[in-house]
Amino acid sequence: MADAPKVDCDNAMTQTDRNICSYQDYQAADAVLYEGGSIQPLITNSCLADLTRQRTDEMRSAYQTY
């Protein structure tokens, strides 16, 4: 799996860079909400399952095109 693009968020030049920085900020803030709590593993695994389902659907859709 490819790593996330490396962007200098202190000097984001394009809208794409700003979007990446905003997404990273959102992910970090969201993770802090559950940090150290007993529900953290449930939230983490639930998010990973959702991302896996989403990516699987994207891949299935891409391959059905051919």
PDB file of N, CA and C in Angstrom:
ATOM      1  N   MET A   1       0.840  -1.172   0.000  1.00  0.00           N
ATOM      2  CA  MET A   1       0.000   0.000   0.000  1.00  0.00           C
ATOM      3  C   MET A   1       0.887   1.239   0.000  1.00  0.00           C
ATOM      4  N   ALA A   2       0.523   2.219  -0.784  1.00  0.00           N
ATOM      5  CA  ALA A   2       1.319   3.440  -0.888  1.00  0.00           C
ATOM      6  C   ALA A   2       1.150   4.295   0.359  1.00  0.00           C
ATOM      7  N   ASP A   3       2.232   4.956   0.719  1.00  0.00           N
ATOM      8  CA  ASP A   3       2.170   5.881   1.841  1.00  0.00           C
ATOM      9  C   ASP A   3       1.421   7.135   1.415  1.00  0.00           C
ATOM     10  N   ALA A   4       0.888   7.850   2.412  1.00  0.00           N
ATOM     11  CA  ALA A   4       0.211   9.108   2.132  1.00  0.00           C
ATOM     12  C   ALA A   4       1.215  10.100   1.556  1.00  0.00           C
ATOM     13  N   PRO A   5       0.741  10.971   0.687  1.00  0.00           N
ATOM     14  CA  PRO A   5       1.653  11.960   0.109  1.00  0.00           C
ATOM     15  C   PRO A   5       2.289  12.818   1.199  1.00  0.00           C
ATOM     16  N   LYS A   6       3.551  13.171   1.000  1.00  0.00           N
ATOM     17  CA  LYS A   6       4.251  14.032   1.950  1.00  0.00           C
ATOM     18  C   LYS A   6       4.007  15.482   1.541  1.00  0.00           C
ATOM     19  N   VAL A   7       3.379  16.228   2.429  1.00  0.00           N
ATOM     20  CA  VAL A   7       3.033  17.611   2.134  1.00  0.00           C
ATOM     21  C   VAL A   7       3.540  18.494   3.266  1.00  0.00           C
ATOM     22  N   ASP A   8       4.118  19.630   2.904  1.00  0.00           N
ATOM     23  CA  ASP A   8       4.526  20.621   3.897  1.00  0.00           C
ATOM     24  C   ASP A   8       3.292  21.447   4.252  1.00  0.00           C
ATOM     25  N   CYS A   9       2.621  21.063   5.327  1.00  0.00           N
ATOM     26  CA  CYS A   9       1.359  21.710   5.690  1.00  0.00           C
ATOM     27  C   CYS A   9       1.550  23.150   6.157  1.00  0.00           C
ATOM     28  N   ASP A  10       2.743  23.510   6.574  1.00  0.00           N
ATOM     29  CA  ASP A  10       3.000  24.900   6.956  1.00  0.00           C
ATOM     30  C   ASP A  10       3.115  25.800   5.734  1.00  0.00           C
ATOM     31  N   ASN A  11       3.297  25.178   4.570  1.00  0.00           N
ATOM     32  CA  ASN A  11       3.469  25.941   3.342  1.00  0.00           C
ATOM     33  C   ASN A  11       2.720  25.255   2.200  1.00  0.00           C
ATOM     34  N   ALA A  12       1.468  24.884   2.435  1.00  0.00           N
ATOM     35  CA  ALA A  12       0.666  24.201   1.419  1.00  0.00           C
ATOM     36  C   ALA A  12       0.375  25.165   0.273  1.00  0.00           C
ATOM     37  N   MET A  13       0.753  24.766  -0.926  1.00  0.00           N
ATOM     38  CA  MET A  13       0.672  25.669  -2.075  1.00  0.00           C
ATOM     39  C   MET A  13      -0.572  25.450  -2.939  1.00  0.00           C
ATOM     40  N   THR A  14      -1.071  24.242  -3.004  1.00  0.00           N
ATOM     41  CA  THR A  14      -2.202  23.957  -3.881  1.00  0.00           C
ATOM     42  C   THR A  14      -3.416  23.554  -3.056  1.00  0.00           C
ATOM     43  N   GLN A  15      -4.564  23.553  -3.704  1.00  0.00           N
ATOM     44  CA  GLN A  15      -5.784  23.131  -3.020  1.00  0.00           C
ATOM     45  C   GLN A  15      -5.676  21.670  -2.598  1.00  0.00           C
ATOM     46  N   THR A  16      -5.042  20.864  -3.417  1.00  0.00           N
ATOM     47  CA  THR A  16      -4.847  19.457  -3.066  1.00  0.00           C
ATOM     48  C   THR A  16      -4.015  19.330  -1.805  1.00  0.00           C
ATOM     49  N   ASP A  17      -2.941  20.106  -1.712  1.00  0.00           N
ATOM     50  CA  ASP A  17      -2.112  20.085  -0.503  1.00  0.00           C
ATOM     51  C   ASP A  17      -2.921  20.512   0.716  1.00  0.00           C
ATOM     52  N   ARG A  18      -3.715  21.566   0.567  1.00  0.00           N
ATOM     53  CA  ARG A  18      -4.534  22.039   1.690  1.00  0.00           C
ATOM     54  C   ARG A  18      -5.559  20.989   2.094  1.00  0.00           C
ATOM     55  N   ASN A  19      -6.128  20.295   1.112  1.00  0.00           N
ATOM     56  CA  ASN A  19      -7.089  19.231   1.421  1.00  0.00           C
ATOM     57  C   ASN A  19      -6.423  18.094   2.183  1.00  0.00           C
ATOM     58  N   ILE A  20      -5.222  17.714   1.761  1.00  0.00           N
ATOM     59  CA  ILE A  20      -4.486  16.651   2.446  1.00  0.00           C
ATOM     60  C   ILE A  20      -4.192  17.066   3.879  1.00  0.00           C
ATOM     61  N   CYS A  21      -3.759  18.305   4.068  1.00  0.00           N
ATOM     62  CA  CYS A  21      -3.449  18.795   5.417  1.00  0.00           C
ATOM     63  C   CYS A  21      -4.703  18.838   6.286  1.00  0.00           C
ATOM     64  N   SER A  22      -5.813  19.285   5.721  1.00  0.00           N
ATOM     65  CA  SER A  22      -7.069  19.322   6.473  1.00  0.00           C
ATOM     66  C   SER A  22      -7.494  17.922   6.883  1.00  0.00           C
ATOM     67  N   TYR A  23      -7.360  16.972   5.973  1.00  0.00           N
ATOM     68  CA  TYR A  23      -7.722  15.593   6.280  1.00  0.00           C
ATOM     69  C   TYR A  23      -6.835  15.032   7.387  1.00  0.00           C
ATOM     70  N   GLN A  24      -5.539  15.307   7.317  1.00  0.00           N
ATOM     71  CA  GLN A  24      -4.621  14.823   8.349  1.00  0.00           C
ATOM     72  C   GLN A  24      -4.945  15.455   9.698  1.00  0.00           C
ATOM     73  N   ASP A  25      -5.273  16.746   9.707  1.00  0.00           N
ATOM     74  CA  ASP A  25      -5.651  17.424  10.949  1.00  0.00           C
ATOM     75  C   ASP A  25      -6.923  16.816  11.529  1.00  0.00           C
ATOM     76  N   TYR A  26      -7.894  16.539  10.658  1.00  0.00           N
ATOM     77  CA  TYR A  26      -9.147  15.929  11.099  1.00  0.00           C
ATOM     78  C   TYR A  26      -8.900  14.545  11.696  1.00  0.00           C
ATOM     79  N   GLN A  27      -8.093  13.745  11.019  1.00  0.00           N
ATOM     80  CA  GLN A  27      -7.795  12.400  11.517  1.00  0.00           C
ATOM     81  C   GLN A  27      -7.123  12.464  12.885  1.00  0.00           C
ATOM     82  N   ALA A  28      -6.187  13.382  13.046  1.00  0.00           N
ATOM     83  CA  ALA A  28      -5.476  13.513  14.323  1.00  0.00           C
ATOM     84  C   ALA A  28      -6.425  13.967  15.431  1.00  0.00           C
ATOM     85  N   ALA A  29      -7.278  14.940  15.141  1.00  0.00           N
ATOM     86  CA  ALA A  29      -8.227  15.426  16.146  1.00  0.00           C
ATOM     87  C   ALA A  29      -9.235  14.344  16.503  1.00  0.00           C
ATOM     88  N   ASP A  30      -9.671  13.578  15.518  1.00  0.00           N
ATOM     89  CA  ASP A  30     -10.632  12.505  15.761  1.00  0.00           C
ATOM     90  C   ASP A  30     -10.020  11.418  16.633  1.00  0.00           C
ATOM     91  N   ALA A  31      -8.765  11.094  16.405  1.00  0.00           N
ATOM     92  CA  ALA A  31      -8.090  10.051  17.182  1.00  0.00           C
ATOM     93  C   ALA A  31      -7.946  10.451  18.643  1.00  0.00           C
ATOM     94  N   VAL A  32      -7.740  11.732  18.904  1.00  0.00           N
ATOM     95  CA  VAL A  32      -7.557  12.213  20.277  1.00  0.00           C
ATOM     96  C   VAL A  32      -8.831  12.029  21.101  1.00  0.00           C
ATOM     97  N   LEU A  33      -9.989  12.063  20.454  1.00  0.00           N
ATOM     98  CA  LEU A  33     -11.254  11.933  21.179  1.00  0.00           C
ATOM     99  C   LEU A  33     -11.337  10.640  21.988  1.00  0.00           C
ATOM    100  N   TYR A  34     -10.800   9.570  21.455  1.00  0.00           N
ATOM    101  CA  TYR A  34     -10.938   8.253  22.083  1.00  0.00           C
ATOM    102  C   TYR A  34      -9.635   7.738  22.680  1.00  0.00           C
ATOM    103  N   GLU A  35      -8.585   8.537  22.618  1.00  0.00           N
ATOM    104  CA  GLU A  35      -7.263   8.109  23.059  1.00  0.00           C
ATOM    105  C   GLU A  35      -7.277   7.668  24.522  1.00  0.00           C
ATOM    106  N   GLY A  36      -6.828   6.446  24.752  1.00  0.00           N
ATOM    107  CA  GLY A  36      -6.714   5.929  26.108  1.00  0.00           C
ATOM    108  C   GLY A  36      -8.007   5.418  26.701  1.00  0.00           C
ATOM    109  N   GLY A  37      -9.109   5.603  26.011  1.00  0.00           N
ATOM    110  CA  GLY A  37     -10.396   5.154  26.526  1.00  0.00           C
ATOM    111  C   GLY A  37     -10.640   3.687  26.225  1.00  0.00           C
ATOM    112  N   SER A  38     -11.581   3.114  26.946  1.00  0.00           N
ATOM    113  CA  SER A  38     -11.869   1.692  26.759  1.00  0.00           C
ATOM    114  C   SER A  38     -12.528   1.408  25.414  1.00  0.00           C
ATOM    115  N   ILE A  39     -13.117   2.427  24.793  1.00  0.00           N
ATOM    116  CA  ILE A  39     -13.789   2.220  23.509  1.00  0.00           C
ATOM    117  C   ILE A  39     -12.843   2.422  22.322  1.00  0.00           C
ATOM    118  N   GLN A  40     -11.620   2.846  22.575  1.00  0.00           N
ATOM    119  CA  GLN A  40     -10.665   3.124  21.495  1.00  0.00           C
ATOM    120  C   GLN A  40     -10.488   1.948  20.535  1.00  0.00           C
ATOM    121  N   PRO A  41     -10.275   0.715  21.023  1.00  0.00           N
ATOM    122  CA  PRO A  41     -10.104  -0.394  20.070  1.00  0.00           C
ATOM    123  C   PRO A  41     -11.343  -0.623  19.196  1.00  0.00           C
ATOM    124  N   LEU A  42     -12.524  -0.461  19.770  1.00  0.00           N
ATOM    125  CA  LEU A  42     -13.750  -0.638  19.000  1.00  0.00           C
ATOM    126  C   LEU A  42     -13.851   0.412  17.899  1.00  0.00           C
ATOM    127  N   ILE A  43     -13.594   1.656  18.237  1.00  0.00           N
ATOM    128  CA  ILE A  43     -13.668   2.732  17.251  1.00  0.00           C
ATOM    129  C   ILE A  43     -12.620   2.534  16.158  1.00  0.00           C
ATOM    130  N   THR A  44     -11.406   2.206  16.555  1.00  0.00           N
ATOM    131  CA  THR A  44     -10.326   1.995  15.585  1.00  0.00           C
ATOM    132  C   THR A  44     -10.677   0.874  14.618  1.00  0.00           C
ATOM    133  N   ASN A  45     -11.101  -0.260  15.147  1.00  0.00           N
ATOM    134  CA  ASN A  45     -11.425  -1.399  14.287  1.00  0.00           C
ATOM    135  C   ASN A  45     -12.653  -1.135  13.434  1.00  0.00           C
ATOM    136  N   SER A  46     -13.605  -0.402  13.962  1.00  0.00           N
ATOM    137  CA  SER A  46     -14.792  -0.049  13.192  1.00  0.00           C
ATOM    138  C   SER A  46     -14.418   0.845  12.010  1.00  0.00           C
ATOM    139  N   CYS A  47     -13.553   1.816  12.256  1.00  0.00           N
ATOM    140  CA  CYS A  47     -13.089   2.696  11.171  1.00  0.00           C
ATOM    141  C   CYS A  47     -12.311   1.917  10.116  1.00  0.00           C
ATOM    142  N   LEU A  48     -11.446   1.022  10.567  1.00  0.00           N
ATOM    143  CA  LEU A  48     -10.672   0.215   9.619  1.00  0.00           C
ATOM    144  C   LEU A  48     -11.583  -0.683   8.789  1.00  0.00           C
ATOM    145  N   ALA A  49     -12.610  -1.246   9.413  1.00  0.00           N
ATOM    146  CA  ALA A  49     -13.560  -2.085   8.679  1.00  0.00           C
ATOM    147  C   ALA A  49     -14.306  -1.261   7.636  1.00  0.00           C
ATOM    148  N   ASP A  50     -14.714  -0.048   8.004  1.00  0.00           N
ATOM    149  CA  ASP A  50     -15.397   0.828   7.048  1.00  0.00           C
ATOM    150  C   ASP A  50     -14.491   1.179   5.872  1.00  0.00           C
ATOM    151  N   LEU A  51     -13.241   1.509   6.162  1.00  0.00           N
ATOM    152  CA  LEU A  51     -12.296   1.832   5.092  1.00  0.00           C
ATOM    153  C   LEU A  51     -12.045   0.631   4.187  1.00  0.00           C
ATOM    154  N   THR A  52     -11.971  -0.555   4.777  1.00  0.00           N
ATOM    155  CA  THR A  52     -11.765  -1.773   3.990  1.00  0.00           C
ATOM    156  C   THR A  52     -12.955  -2.022   3.078  1.00  0.00           C
ATOM    157  N   ARG A  53     -14.169  -1.872   3.602  1.00  0.00           N
ATOM    158  CA  ARG A  53     -15.372  -2.046   2.782  1.00  0.00           C
ATOM    159  C   ARG A  53     -15.402  -1.035   1.637  1.00  0.00           C
ATOM    160  N   GLN A  54     -15.084   0.207   1.958  1.00  0.00           N
ATOM    161  CA  GLN A  54     -15.085   1.254   0.939  1.00  0.00           C
ATOM    162  C   GLN A  54     -14.063   0.950  -0.157  1.00  0.00           C
ATOM    163  N   ARG A  55     -12.874   0.581   0.230  1.00  0.00           N
ATOM    164  CA  ARG A  55     -11.820   0.289  -0.752  1.00  0.00           C
ATOM    165  C   ARG A  55     -12.167  -0.950  -1.576  1.00  0.00           C
ATOM    166  N   THR A  56     -12.748  -1.956  -0.946  1.00  0.00           N
ATOM    167  CA  THR A  56     -13.168  -3.157  -1.665  1.00  0.00           C
ATOM    168  C   THR A  56     -14.215  -2.815  -2.713  1.00  0.00           C
ATOM    169  N   ASP A  57     -15.175  -1.968  -2.349  1.00  0.00           N
ATOM    170  CA  ASP A  57     -16.194  -1.538  -3.307  1.00  0.00           C
ATOM    171  C   ASP A  57     -15.572  -0.770  -4.470  1.00  0.00           C
ATOM    172  N   GLU A  58     -14.597   0.096  -4.165  1.00  0.00           N
ATOM    173  CA  GLU A  58     -13.914   0.848  -5.223  1.00  0.00           C
ATOM    174  C   GLU A  58     -13.181  -0.092  -6.172  1.00  0.00           C
ATOM    175  N   MET A  59     -12.494  -1.074  -5.612  1.00  0.00           N
ATOM    176  CA  MET A  59     -11.751  -2.025  -6.442  1.00  0.00           C
ATOM    177  C   MET A  59     -12.702  -2.877  -7.271  1.00  0.00           C
ATOM    178  N   ARG A  60     -13.787  -3.325  -6.666  1.00  0.00           N
ATOM    179  CA  ARG A  60     -14.774  -4.134  -7.384  1.00  0.00           C
ATOM    180  C   ARG A  60     -15.348  -3.331  -8.548  1.00  0.00           C
ATOM    181  N   SER A  61     -15.662  -2.081  -8.297  1.00  0.00           N
ATOM    182  CA  SER A  61     -16.206  -1.212  -9.334  1.00  0.00           C
ATOM    183  C   SER A  61     -15.197  -0.998 -10.461  1.00  0.00           C
ATOM    184  N   ALA A  62     -13.943  -0.813 -10.103  1.00  0.00           N
ATOM    185  CA  ALA A  62     -12.907  -0.598 -11.113  1.00  0.00           C
ATOM    186  C   ALA A  62     -12.726  -1.829 -11.991  1.00  0.00           C
ATOM    187  N   TYR A  63     -12.775  -3.004 -11.404  1.00  0.00           N
ATOM    188  CA  TYR A  63     -12.566  -4.229 -12.176  1.00  0.00           C
ATOM    189  C   TYR A  63     -13.785  -4.610 -12.993  1.00  0.00           C
ATOM    190  N   GLN A  64     -14.974  -4.197 -12.585  1.00  0.00           N
ATOM    191  CA  GLN A  64     -16.174  -4.506 -13.356  1.00  0.00           C
ATOM    192  C   GLN A  64     -16.223  -3.696 -14.647  1.00  0.00           C
ATOM    193  N   THR A  65     -15.479  -2.617 -14.687  1.00  0.00           N
ATOM    194  CA  THR A  65     -15.437  -1.779 -15.877  1.00  0.00           C
ATOM    195  C   THR A  65     -14.800  -2.525 -17.046  1.00  0.00           C
ATOM    196  N   TYR A  66     -13.894  -3.447 -16.743  1.00  0.00           N
ATOM    197  CA  TYR A  66     -13.166  -4.162 -17.790  1.00  0.00           C
ATOM    198  C   TYR A  66     -13.838  -5.422 -18.149  1.00  0.00           C
TER     199      TYR A  66
END
